[in-house]
Amino acid sequence: GFVVVGYSTFAVPGLLGRPEIAEVLFPFGGVVLVLGWLFLP
């Protein structure tokens, strides 16, 4: 389920052709992902 949600979230800007959304989503998503690996466990 995490794979489906994560992949869909990151793929949406490409499907919509909106690079400005990806420019914001990807860096913030990466920060949340790395910190999640550190603290969520």
PDB file of all heavy atoms in Angstrom:
ATOM      1  N   GLY A   1       0.824  -1.217   0.000  1.00  0.00           N
ATOM      2  CA  GLY A   1       0.000   0.000   0.000  1.00  0.00           C
ATOM      3  C   GLY A   1       0.849   1.253   0.000  1.00  0.00           C
ATOM      4  O   GLY A   1       0.529   2.231  -0.699  1.00  0.00           O
ATOM      5  N   PHE A   2       1.943   1.234   0.774  1.00  0.00           N
ATOM      6  CA  PHE A   2       2.855   2.375   0.779  1.00  0.00           C
ATOM      7  C   PHE A   2       3.465   2.586  -0.603  1.00  0.00           C
ATOM      8  O   PHE A   2       3.618   3.730  -1.060  1.00  0.00           O
ATOM      9  CB  PHE A   2       3.951   2.143   1.818  1.00  0.00           C
ATOM     10  CG  PHE A   2       5.074   3.144   1.752  1.00  0.00           C
ATOM     11  CD1 PHE A   2       4.913   4.418   2.272  1.00  0.00           C
ATOM     12  CD2 PHE A   2       6.289   2.809   1.172  1.00  0.00           C
ATOM     13  CE1 PHE A   2       5.948   5.345   2.215  1.00  0.00           C
ATOM     14  CE2 PHE A   2       7.323   3.726   1.104  1.00  0.00           C
ATOM     15  CZ  PHE A   2       7.143   5.002   1.635  1.00  0.00           C
ATOM     16  N   VAL A   3       3.804   1.496  -1.277  1.00  0.00           N
ATOM     17  CA  VAL A   3       4.381   1.604  -2.624  1.00  0.00           C
ATOM     18  C   VAL A   3       3.390   2.251  -3.576  1.00  0.00           C
ATOM     19  O   VAL A   3       3.739   3.161  -4.348  1.00  0.00           O
ATOM     20  CB  VAL A   3       4.800   0.208  -3.131  1.00  0.00           C
ATOM     21  CG1 VAL A   3       5.165   0.273  -4.609  1.00  0.00           C
ATOM     22  CG2 VAL A   3       5.973  -0.319  -2.324  1.00  0.00           C
ATOM     23  N   VAL A   4       2.139   1.801  -3.529  1.00  0.00           N
ATOM     24  CA  VAL A   4       1.129   2.350  -4.437  1.00  0.00           C
ATOM     25  C   VAL A   4       0.920   3.841  -4.182  1.00  0.00           C
ATOM     26  O   VAL A   4       0.908   4.657  -5.117  1.00  0.00           O
ATOM     27  CB  VAL A   4      -0.195   1.574  -4.282  1.00  0.00           C
ATOM     28  CG1 VAL A   4      -1.306   2.248  -5.079  1.00  0.00           C
ATOM     29  CG2 VAL A   4      -0.020   0.131  -4.730  1.00  0.00           C
ATOM     30  N   VAL A   5       0.779   4.217  -2.914  1.00  0.00           N
ATOM     31  CA  VAL A   5       0.541   5.625  -2.580  1.00  0.00           C
ATOM     32  C   VAL A   5       1.756   6.481  -2.930  1.00  0.00           C
ATOM     33  O   VAL A   5       1.648   7.561  -3.535  1.00  0.00           O
ATOM     34  CB  VAL A   5       0.189   5.769  -1.088  1.00  0.00           C
ATOM     35  CG1 VAL A   5       0.102   7.234  -0.691  1.00  0.00           C
ATOM     36  CG2 VAL A   5      -1.130   5.073  -0.790  1.00  0.00           C
ATOM     37  N   GLY A   6       2.965   5.986  -2.558  1.00  0.00           N
ATOM     38  CA  GLY A   6       4.169   6.759  -2.818  1.00  0.00           C
ATOM     39  C   GLY A   6       4.448   6.924  -4.305  1.00  0.00           C
ATOM     40  O   GLY A   6       4.746   8.037  -4.779  1.00  0.00           O
ATOM     41  N   TYR A   7       4.363   5.825  -5.042  1.00  0.00           N
ATOM     42  CA  TYR A   7       4.611   5.896  -6.481  1.00  0.00           C
ATOM     43  C   TYR A   7       3.602   6.824  -7.155  1.00  0.00           C
ATOM     44  O   TYR A   7       3.980   7.653  -8.003  1.00  0.00           O
ATOM     45  CB  TYR A   7       4.527   4.491  -7.090  1.00  0.00           C
ATOM     46  CG  TYR A   7       4.930   4.425  -8.545  1.00  0.00           C
ATOM     47  CD1 TYR A   7       6.219   4.066  -8.900  1.00  0.00           C
ATOM     48  CD2 TYR A   7       4.029   4.739  -9.559  1.00  0.00           C
ATOM     49  CE1 TYR A   7       6.604   4.002 -10.232  1.00  0.00           C
ATOM     50  CE2 TYR A   7       4.398   4.682 -10.889  1.00  0.00           C
ATOM     51  CZ  TYR A   7       5.682   4.314 -11.227  1.00  0.00           C
ATOM     52  OH  TYR A   7       6.055   4.268 -12.542  1.00  0.00           O
ATOM     53  N   SER A   8       2.339   6.698  -6.790  1.00  0.00           N
ATOM     54  CA  SER A   8       1.310   7.543  -7.409  1.00  0.00           C
ATOM     55  C   SER A   8       1.549   9.012  -7.103  1.00  0.00           C
ATOM     56  O   SER A   8       1.412   9.875  -7.983  1.00  0.00           O
ATOM     57  CB  SER A   8      -0.074   7.117  -6.906  1.00  0.00           C
ATOM     58  OG  SER A   8      -0.320   5.755  -7.189  1.00  0.00           O
ATOM     59  N   THR A   9       1.916   9.296  -5.857  1.00  0.00           N
ATOM     60  CA  THR A   9       2.145  10.697  -5.472  1.00  0.00           C
ATOM     61  C   THR A   9       3.277  11.310  -6.279  1.00  0.00           C
ATOM     62  O   THR A   9       3.172  12.439  -6.780  1.00  0.00           O
ATOM     63  CB  THR A   9       2.450  10.778  -3.973  1.00  0.00           C
ATOM     64  OG1 THR A   9       1.352  10.221  -3.225  1.00  0.00           O
ATOM     65  CG2 THR A   9       2.668  12.223  -3.545  1.00  0.00           C
ATOM     66  N   PHE A  10       4.381  10.575  -6.402  1.00  0.00           N
ATOM     67  CA  PHE A  10       5.527  11.110  -7.135  1.00  0.00           C
ATOM     68  C   PHE A  10       5.290  11.123  -8.647  1.00  0.00           C
ATOM     69  O   PHE A  10       5.923  11.912  -9.364  1.00  0.00           O
ATOM     70  CB  PHE A  10       6.783  10.290  -6.826  1.00  0.00           C
ATOM     71  CG  PHE A  10       7.357  10.544  -5.466  1.00  0.00           C
ATOM     72  CD1 PHE A  10       7.563   9.497  -4.581  1.00  0.00           C
ATOM     73  CD2 PHE A  10       7.690  11.825  -5.063  1.00  0.00           C
ATOM     74  CE1 PHE A  10       8.104   9.728  -3.325  1.00  0.00           C
ATOM     75  CE2 PHE A  10       8.227  12.072  -3.803  1.00  0.00           C
ATOM     76  CZ  PHE A  10       8.433  11.016  -2.930  1.00  0.00           C
ATOM     77  N   ALA A  11       4.404  10.267  -9.137  1.00  0.00           N
ATOM     78  CA  ALA A  11       4.178  10.195 -10.584  1.00  0.00           C
ATOM     79  C   ALA A  11       3.144  11.198 -11.075  1.00  0.00           C
ATOM     80  O   ALA A  11       3.091  11.479 -12.283  1.00  0.00           O
ATOM     81  CB  ALA A  11       3.750   8.781 -10.974  1.00  0.00           C
ATOM     82  N   VAL A  12       2.325  11.730 -10.176  1.00  0.00           N
ATOM     83  CA  VAL A  12       1.247  12.637 -10.593  1.00  0.00           C
ATOM     84  C   VAL A  12       1.759  13.866 -11.343  1.00  0.00           C
ATOM     85  O   VAL A  12       1.202  14.238 -12.393  1.00  0.00           O
ATOM     86  CB  VAL A  12       0.395  13.039  -9.379  1.00  0.00           C
ATOM     87  CG1 VAL A  12      -0.427  14.296  -9.663  1.00  0.00           C
ATOM     88  CG2 VAL A  12      -0.534  11.904  -9.003  1.00  0.00           C
ATOM     89  N   PRO A  13       2.825  14.561 -10.873  1.00  0.00           N
ATOM     90  CA  PRO A  13       3.280  15.741 -11.631  1.00  0.00           C
ATOM     91  C   PRO A  13       3.658  15.418 -13.075  1.00  0.00           C
ATOM     92  O   PRO A  13       3.417  16.231 -13.977  1.00  0.00           O
ATOM     93  CB  PRO A  13       4.493  16.236 -10.834  1.00  0.00           C
ATOM     94  CG  PRO A  13       4.261  15.729  -9.452  1.00  0.00           C
ATOM     95  CD  PRO A  13       3.596  14.409  -9.622  1.00  0.00           C
ATOM     96  N   GLY A  14       4.245  14.248 -13.305  1.00  0.00           N
ATOM     97  CA  GLY A  14       4.593  13.876 -14.672  1.00  0.00           C
ATOM     98  C   GLY A  14       3.372  13.594 -15.517  1.00  0.00           C
ATOM     99  O   GLY A  14       3.316  13.962 -16.697  1.00  0.00           O
ATOM    100  N   LEU A  15       2.369  12.938 -14.926  1.00  0.00           N
ATOM    101  CA  LEU A  15       1.150  12.648 -15.669  1.00  0.00           C
ATOM    102  C   LEU A  15       0.395  13.923 -16.019  1.00  0.00           C
ATOM    103  O   LEU A  15      -0.238  14.013 -17.077  1.00  0.00           O
ATOM    104  CB  LEU A  15       0.254  11.710 -14.852  1.00  0.00           C
ATOM    105  CG  LEU A  15       0.823  10.299 -14.591  1.00  0.00           C
ATOM    106  CD1 LEU A  15      -0.088   9.537 -13.643  1.00  0.00           C
ATOM    107  CD2 LEU A  15       0.985   9.540 -15.901  1.00  0.00           C
ATOM    108  N   LEU A  16       0.466  14.914 -15.133  1.00  0.00           N
ATOM    109  CA  LEU A  16      -0.228  16.185 -15.382  1.00  0.00           C
ATOM    110  C   LEU A  16       0.617  17.154 -16.204  1.00  0.00           C
ATOM    111  O   LEU A  16       0.099  18.193 -16.640  1.00  0.00           O
ATOM    112  CB  LEU A  16      -0.597  16.849 -14.052  1.00  0.00           C
ATOM    113  CG  LEU A  16      -1.570  16.072 -13.142  1.00  0.00           C
ATOM    114  CD1 LEU A  16      -1.809  16.842 -11.862  1.00  0.00           C
ATOM    115  CD2 LEU A  16      -2.886  15.818 -13.855  1.00  0.00           C
ATOM    116  N   GLY A  17       1.901  16.846 -16.392  1.00  0.00           N
ATOM    117  CA  GLY A  17       2.774  17.774 -17.101  1.00  0.00           C
ATOM    118  C   GLY A  17       3.003  19.062 -16.336  1.00  0.00           C
ATOM    119  O   GLY A  17       3.059  20.140 -16.939  1.00  0.00           O
ATOM    120  N   ARG A  18       3.162  18.948 -14.988  1.00  0.00           N
ATOM    121  CA  ARG A  18       3.325  20.130 -14.139  1.00  0.00           C
ATOM    122  C   ARG A  18       4.682  20.074 -13.441  1.00  0.00           C
ATOM    123  O   ARG A  18       4.807  19.604 -12.305  1.00  0.00           O
ATOM    124  CB  ARG A  18       2.205  20.189 -13.106  1.00  0.00           C
ATOM    125  CG  ARG A  18       0.802  20.286 -13.696  1.00  0.00           C
ATOM    126  CD  ARG A  18       0.569  21.652 -14.314  1.00  0.00           C
ATOM    127  NE  ARG A  18       0.658  22.701 -13.331  1.00  0.00           N
ATOM    128  CZ  ARG A  18      -0.352  23.084 -12.552  1.00  0.00           C
ATOM    129  NH1 ARG A  18      -1.547  22.494 -12.675  1.00  0.00           N
ATOM    130  NH2 ARG A  18      -0.198  24.062 -11.684  1.00  0.00           N
ATOM    131  N   PRO A  19       5.755  20.522 -14.110  1.00  0.00           N
ATOM    132  CA  PRO A  19       7.074  20.463 -13.477  1.00  0.00           C
ATOM    133  C   PRO A  19       7.178  21.333 -12.229  1.00  0.00           C
ATOM    134  O   PRO A  19       7.968  21.039 -11.329  1.00  0.00           O
ATOM    135  CB  PRO A  19       8.023  20.954 -14.584  1.00  0.00           C
ATOM    136  CG  PRO A  19       7.148  21.733 -15.514  1.00  0.00           C
ATOM    137  CD  PRO A  19       5.811  21.084 -15.469  1.00  0.00           C
ATOM    138  N   GLU A  20       6.385  22.427 -12.146  1.00  0.00           N
ATOM    139  CA  GLU A  20       6.475  23.297 -10.974  1.00  0.00           C
ATOM    140  C   GLU A  20       6.007  22.578  -9.716  1.00  0.00           C
ATOM    141  O   GLU A  20       6.495  22.841  -8.605  1.00  0.00           O
ATOM    142  CB  GLU A  20       5.672  24.587 -11.196  1.00  0.00           C
ATOM    143  CG  GLU A  20       4.155  24.425 -11.252  1.00  0.00           C
ATOM    144  CD  GLU A  20       3.649  23.968 -12.605  1.00  0.00           C
ATOM    145  OE1 GLU A  20       4.484  23.675 -13.487  1.00  0.00           O
ATOM    146  OE2 GLU A  20       2.412  23.929 -12.780  1.00  0.00           O
ATOM    147  N   ILE A  21       5.052  21.640  -9.861  1.00  0.00           N
ATOM    148  CA  ILE A  21       4.613  20.859  -8.704  1.00  0.00           C
ATOM    149  C   ILE A  21       5.712  19.885  -8.277  1.00  0.00           C
ATOM    150  O   ILE A  21       5.987  19.706  -7.087  1.00  0.00           O
ATOM    151  CB  ILE A  21       3.313  20.109  -9.026  1.00  0.00           C
ATOM    152  CG1 ILE A  21       2.186  21.095  -9.321  1.00  0.00           C
ATOM    153  CG2 ILE A  21       2.928  19.171  -7.893  1.00  0.00           C
ATOM    154  CD1 ILE A  21       0.877  20.432  -9.684  1.00  0.00           C
ATOM    155  N   ALA A  22       6.345  19.254  -9.256  1.00  0.00           N
ATOM    156  CA  ALA A  22       7.422  18.314  -8.950  1.00  0.00           C
ATOM    157  C   ALA A  22       8.596  19.013  -8.276  1.00  0.00           C
ATOM    158  O   ALA A  22       9.242  18.441  -7.389  1.00  0.00           O
ATOM    159  CB  ALA A  22       7.887  17.625 -10.230  1.00  0.00           C
ATOM    160  N   GLU A  23       8.884  20.263  -8.690  1.00  0.00           N
ATOM    161  CA  GLU A  23      10.000  21.001  -8.092  1.00  0.00           C
ATOM    162  C   GLU A  23       9.795  21.228  -6.605  1.00  0.00           C
ATOM    163  O   GLU A  23      10.763  21.380  -5.845  1.00  0.00           O
ATOM    164  CB  GLU A  23      10.160  22.355  -8.808  1.00  0.00           C
ATOM    165  CG  GLU A  23      10.570  22.268 -10.265  1.00  0.00           C
ATOM    166  CD  GLU A  23      12.057  22.053 -10.434  1.00  0.00           C
ATOM    167  OE1 GLU A  23      12.775  22.016  -9.411  1.00  0.00           O
ATOM    168  OE2 GLU A  23      12.514  21.914 -11.588  1.00  0.00           O
ATOM    169  N   VAL A  24       8.562  21.253  -6.153  1.00  0.00           N
ATOM    170  CA  VAL A  24       8.263  21.430  -4.733  1.00  0.00           C
ATOM    171  C   VAL A  24       8.086  20.090  -4.043  1.00  0.00           C
ATOM    172  O   VAL A  24       8.580  19.854  -2.932  1.00  0.00           O
ATOM    173  CB  VAL A  24       6.995  22.305  -4.553  1.00  0.00           C
ATOM    174  CG1 VAL A  24       6.577  22.358  -3.093  1.00  0.00           C
ATOM    175  CG2 VAL A  24       7.243  23.704  -5.086  1.00  0.00           C
ATOM    176  N   LEU A  25       7.384  19.173  -4.697  1.00  0.00           N
ATOM    177  CA  LEU A  25       7.036  17.893  -4.081  1.00  0.00           C
ATOM    178  C   LEU A  25       8.257  17.014  -3.839  1.00  0.00           C
ATOM    179  O   LEU A  25       8.394  16.419  -2.757  1.00  0.00           O
ATOM    180  CB  LEU A  25       6.029  17.157  -4.971  1.00  0.00           C
ATOM    181  CG  LEU A  25       5.637  15.750  -4.534  1.00  0.00           C
ATOM    182  CD1 LEU A  25       4.945  15.775  -3.180  1.00  0.00           C
ATOM    183  CD2 LEU A  25       4.757  15.083  -5.587  1.00  0.00           C
ATOM    184  N   PHE A  26       9.147  16.923  -4.802  1.00  0.00           N
ATOM    185  CA  PHE A  26      10.246  15.964  -4.691  1.00  0.00           C
ATOM    186  C   PHE A  26      11.228  16.313  -3.572  1.00  0.00           C
ATOM    187  O   PHE A  26      11.594  15.438  -2.783  1.00  0.00           O
ATOM    188  CB  PHE A  26      10.982  15.840  -6.027  1.00  0.00           C
ATOM    189  CG  PHE A  26      10.191  15.088  -7.071  1.00  0.00           C
ATOM    190  CD1 PHE A  26       8.857  14.761  -6.864  1.00  0.00           C
ATOM    191  CD2 PHE A  26      10.773  14.710  -8.268  1.00  0.00           C
ATOM    192  CE1 PHE A  26       8.122  14.075  -7.821  1.00  0.00           C
ATOM    193  CE2 PHE A  26      10.054  14.020  -9.235  1.00  0.00           C
ATOM    194  CZ  PHE A  26       8.722  13.706  -9.004  1.00  0.00           C
ATOM    195  N   PRO A  27      11.704  17.560  -3.455  1.00  0.00           N
ATOM    196  CA  PRO A  27      12.612  17.850  -2.330  1.00  0.00           C
ATOM    197  C   PRO A  27      11.950  17.659  -0.971  1.00  0.00           C
ATOM    198  O   PRO A  27      12.539  17.063  -0.062  1.00  0.00           O
ATOM    199  CB  PRO A  27      13.009  19.310  -2.570  1.00  0.00           C
ATOM    200  CG  PRO A  27      12.790  19.539  -4.020  1.00  0.00           C
ATOM    201  CD  PRO A  27      11.606  18.709  -4.371  1.00  0.00           C
ATOM    202  N   PHE A  28      10.721  18.172  -0.819  1.00  0.00           N
ATOM    203  CA  PHE A  28      10.030  18.000   0.457  1.00  0.00           C
ATOM    204  C   PHE A  28       9.743  16.528   0.731  1.00  0.00           C
ATOM    205  O   PHE A  28       9.870  16.053   1.860  1.00  0.00           O
ATOM    206  CB  PHE A  28       8.731  18.800   0.478  1.00  0.00           C
ATOM    207  CG  PHE A  28       8.941  20.280   0.619  1.00  0.00           C
ATOM    208  CD1 PHE A  28       8.036  21.173   0.079  1.00  0.00           C
ATOM    209  CD2 PHE A  28      10.032  20.780   1.288  1.00  0.00           C
ATOM    210  CE1 PHE A  28       8.222  22.543   0.210  1.00  0.00           C
ATOM    211  CE2 PHE A  28      10.238  22.140   1.427  1.00  0.00           C
ATOM    212  CZ  PHE A  28       9.331  23.032   0.885  1.00  0.00           C
ATOM    213  N   GLY A  29       9.339  15.790  -0.310  1.00  0.00           N
ATOM    214  CA  GLY A  29       9.096  14.367  -0.136  1.00  0.00           C
ATOM    215  C   GLY A  29      10.349  13.618   0.272  1.00  0.00           C
ATOM    216  O   GLY A  29      10.305  12.701   1.102  1.00  0.00           O
ATOM    217  N   GLY A  30      11.497  13.990  -0.302  1.00  0.00           N
ATOM    218  CA  GLY A  30      12.754  13.358   0.081  1.00  0.00           C
ATOM    219  C   GLY A  30      13.123  13.625   1.521  1.00  0.00           C
ATOM    220  O   GLY A  30      13.574  12.730   2.238  1.00  0.00           O
ATOM    221  N   VAL A  31      12.923  14.854   1.976  1.00  0.00           N
ATOM    222  CA  VAL A  31      13.220  15.192   3.370  1.00  0.00           C
ATOM    223  C   VAL A  31      12.354  14.363   4.318  1.00  0.00           C
ATOM    224  O   VAL A  31      12.842  13.782   5.292  1.00  0.00           O
ATOM    225  CB  VAL A  31      13.004  16.701   3.603  1.00  0.00           C
ATOM    226  CG1 VAL A  31      13.096  17.022   5.092  1.00  0.00           C
ATOM    227  CG2 VAL A  31      14.034  17.517   2.831  1.00  0.00           C
ATOM    228  N   VAL A  32      11.055  14.297   4.021  1.00  0.00           N
ATOM    229  CA  VAL A  32      10.148  13.524   4.867  1.00  0.00           C
ATOM    230  C   VAL A  32      10.519  12.050   4.848  1.00  0.00           C
ATOM    231  O   VAL A  32      10.490  11.357   5.890  1.00  0.00           O
ATOM    232  CB  VAL A  32       8.695  13.731   4.408  1.00  0.00           C
ATOM    233  CG1 VAL A  32       7.751  12.785   5.140  1.00  0.00           C
ATOM    234  CG2 VAL A  32       8.271  15.174   4.638  1.00  0.00           C
ATOM    235  N   LEU A  33      10.895  11.525   3.680  1.00  0.00           N
ATOM    236  CA  LEU A  33      11.235  10.112   3.548  1.00  0.00           C
ATOM    237  C   LEU A  33      12.473   9.754   4.366  1.00  0.00           C
ATOM    238  O   LEU A  33      12.483   8.763   5.111  1.00  0.00           O
ATOM    239  CB  LEU A  33      11.457   9.782   2.077  1.00  0.00           C
ATOM    240  CG  LEU A  33      11.535   8.313   1.699  1.00  0.00           C
ATOM    241  CD1 LEU A  33      10.216   7.619   1.994  1.00  0.00           C
ATOM    242  CD2 LEU A  33      11.882   8.170   0.225  1.00  0.00           C
ATOM    243  N   VAL A  34      13.523  10.556   4.263  1.00  0.00           N
ATOM    244  CA  VAL A  34      14.756  10.248   4.991  1.00  0.00           C
ATOM    245  C   VAL A  34      14.540  10.380   6.496  1.00  0.00           C
ATOM    246  O   VAL A  34      14.981   9.524   7.280  1.00  0.00           O
ATOM    247  CB  VAL A  34      15.894  11.178   4.517  1.00  0.00           C
ATOM    248  CG1 VAL A  34      17.154  10.928   5.334  1.00  0.00           C
ATOM    249  CG2 VAL A  34      16.185  10.951   3.037  1.00  0.00           C
ATOM    250  N   LEU A  35      13.862  11.441   6.920  1.00  0.00           N
ATOM    251  CA  LEU A  35      13.590  11.591   8.349  1.00  0.00           C
ATOM    252  C   LEU A  35      12.659  10.485   8.848  1.00  0.00           C
ATOM    253  O   LEU A  35      12.773  10.040   9.993  1.00  0.00           O
ATOM    254  CB  LEU A  35      12.970  12.966   8.618  1.00  0.00           C
ATOM    255  CG  LEU A  35      13.893  14.162   8.392  1.00  0.00           C
ATOM    256  CD1 LEU A  35      13.163  15.464   8.714  1.00  0.00           C
ATOM    257  CD2 LEU A  35      15.154  14.053   9.249  1.00  0.00           C
ATOM    258  N   GLY A  36      11.750  10.051   7.991  1.00  0.00           N
ATOM    259  CA  GLY A  36      10.900   8.937   8.376  1.00  0.00           C
ATOM    260  C   GLY A  36      11.696   7.662   8.607  1.00  0.00           C
ATOM    261  O   GLY A  36      11.430   6.912   9.545  1.00  0.00           O
ATOM    262  N   TRP A  37      12.686   7.411   7.745  1.00  0.00           N
ATOM    263  CA  TRP A  37      13.548   6.246   7.938  1.00  0.00           C
ATOM    264  C   TRP A  37      14.304   6.325   9.258  1.00  0.00           C
ATOM    265  O   TRP A  37      14.601   5.305   9.876  1.00  0.00           O
ATOM    266  CB  TRP A  37      14.554   6.154   6.793  1.00  0.00           C
ATOM    267  CG  TRP A  37      14.207   5.123   5.786  1.00  0.00           C
ATOM    268  CD1 TRP A  37      13.362   5.250   4.714  1.00  0.00           C
ATOM    269  CD2 TRP A  37      14.677   3.780   5.750  1.00  0.00           C
ATOM    270  NE1 TRP A  37      13.288   4.072   4.024  1.00  0.00           N
ATOM    271  CE2 TRP A  37      14.085   3.152   4.625  1.00  0.00           C
ATOM    272  CE3 TRP A  37      15.534   3.042   6.553  1.00  0.00           C
ATOM    273  CZ2 TRP A  37      14.326   1.821   4.304  1.00  0.00           C
ATOM    274  CZ3 TRP A  37      15.779   1.713   6.226  1.00  0.00           C
ATOM    275  CH2 TRP A  37      15.183   1.127   5.118  1.00  0.00           C
ATOM    276  N   LEU A  38      14.599   7.533   9.673  1.00  0.00           N
ATOM    277  CA  LEU A  38      15.373   7.699  10.894  1.00  0.00           C
ATOM    278  C   LEU A  38      14.515   7.560  12.146  1.00  0.00           C
ATOM    279  O   LEU A  38      14.915   6.920  13.117  1.00  0.00           O
ATOM    280  CB  LEU A  38      16.061   9.074  10.878  1.00  0.00           C
ATOM    281  CG  LEU A  38      16.944   9.409  12.087  1.00  0.00           C
ATOM    282  CD1 LEU A  38      18.057   8.392  12.232  1.00  0.00           C
ATOM    283  CD2 LEU A  38      17.508  10.810  11.950  1.00  0.00           C
ATOM    284  N   PHE A  39      13.298   8.131  12.112  1.00  0.00           N
ATOM    285  CA  PHE A  39      12.527   8.250  13.350  1.00  0.00           C
ATOM    286  C   PHE A  39      11.284   7.360  13.424  1.00  0.00           C
ATOM    287  O   PHE A  39      10.889   6.975  14.517  1.00  0.00           O
ATOM    288  CB  PHE A  39      12.105   9.700  13.561  1.00  0.00           C
ATOM    289  CG  PHE A  39      13.239  10.615  13.900  1.00  0.00           C
ATOM    290  CD1 PHE A  39      13.626  11.620  13.039  1.00  0.00           C
ATOM    291  CD2 PHE A  39      13.934  10.467  15.087  1.00  0.00           C
ATOM    292  CE1 PHE A  39      14.671  12.470  13.345  1.00  0.00           C
ATOM    293  CE2 PHE A  39      14.989  11.304  15.403  1.00  0.00           C
ATOM    294  CZ  PHE A  39      15.361  12.307  14.537  1.00  0.00           C
ATOM    295  N   LEU A  40      10.634   7.064  12.306  1.00  0.00           N
ATOM    296  CA  LEU A  40       9.398   6.294  12.383  1.00  0.00           C
ATOM    297  C   LEU A  40       9.585   4.911  13.010  1.00  0.00           C
ATOM    298  O   LEU A  40       8.704   4.456  13.754  1.00  0.00           O
ATOM    299  CB  LEU A  40       8.760   6.160  11.000  1.00  0.00           C
ATOM    300  CG  LEU A  40       7.969   7.378  10.516  1.00  0.00           C
ATOM    301  CD1 LEU A  40       7.344   7.090   9.160  1.00  0.00           C
ATOM    302  CD2 LEU A  40       6.889   7.761  11.519  1.00  0.00           C
ATOM    303  N   PRO A  41      10.689   4.197  12.735  1.00  0.00           N
ATOM    304  CA  PRO A  41      10.862   2.916  13.434  1.00  0.00           C
ATOM    305  C   PRO A  41      10.890   3.069  14.947  1.00  0.00           C
ATOM    306  O   PRO A  41      10.457   2.178  15.668  1.00  0.00           O
ATOM    307  CB  PRO A  41      12.218   2.415  12.902  1.00  0.00           C
ATOM    308  CG  PRO A  41      12.349   3.052  11.572  1.00  0.00           C
ATOM    309  CD  PRO A  41      11.737   4.418  11.721  1.00  0.00           C
TER     310      PRO A  41
END
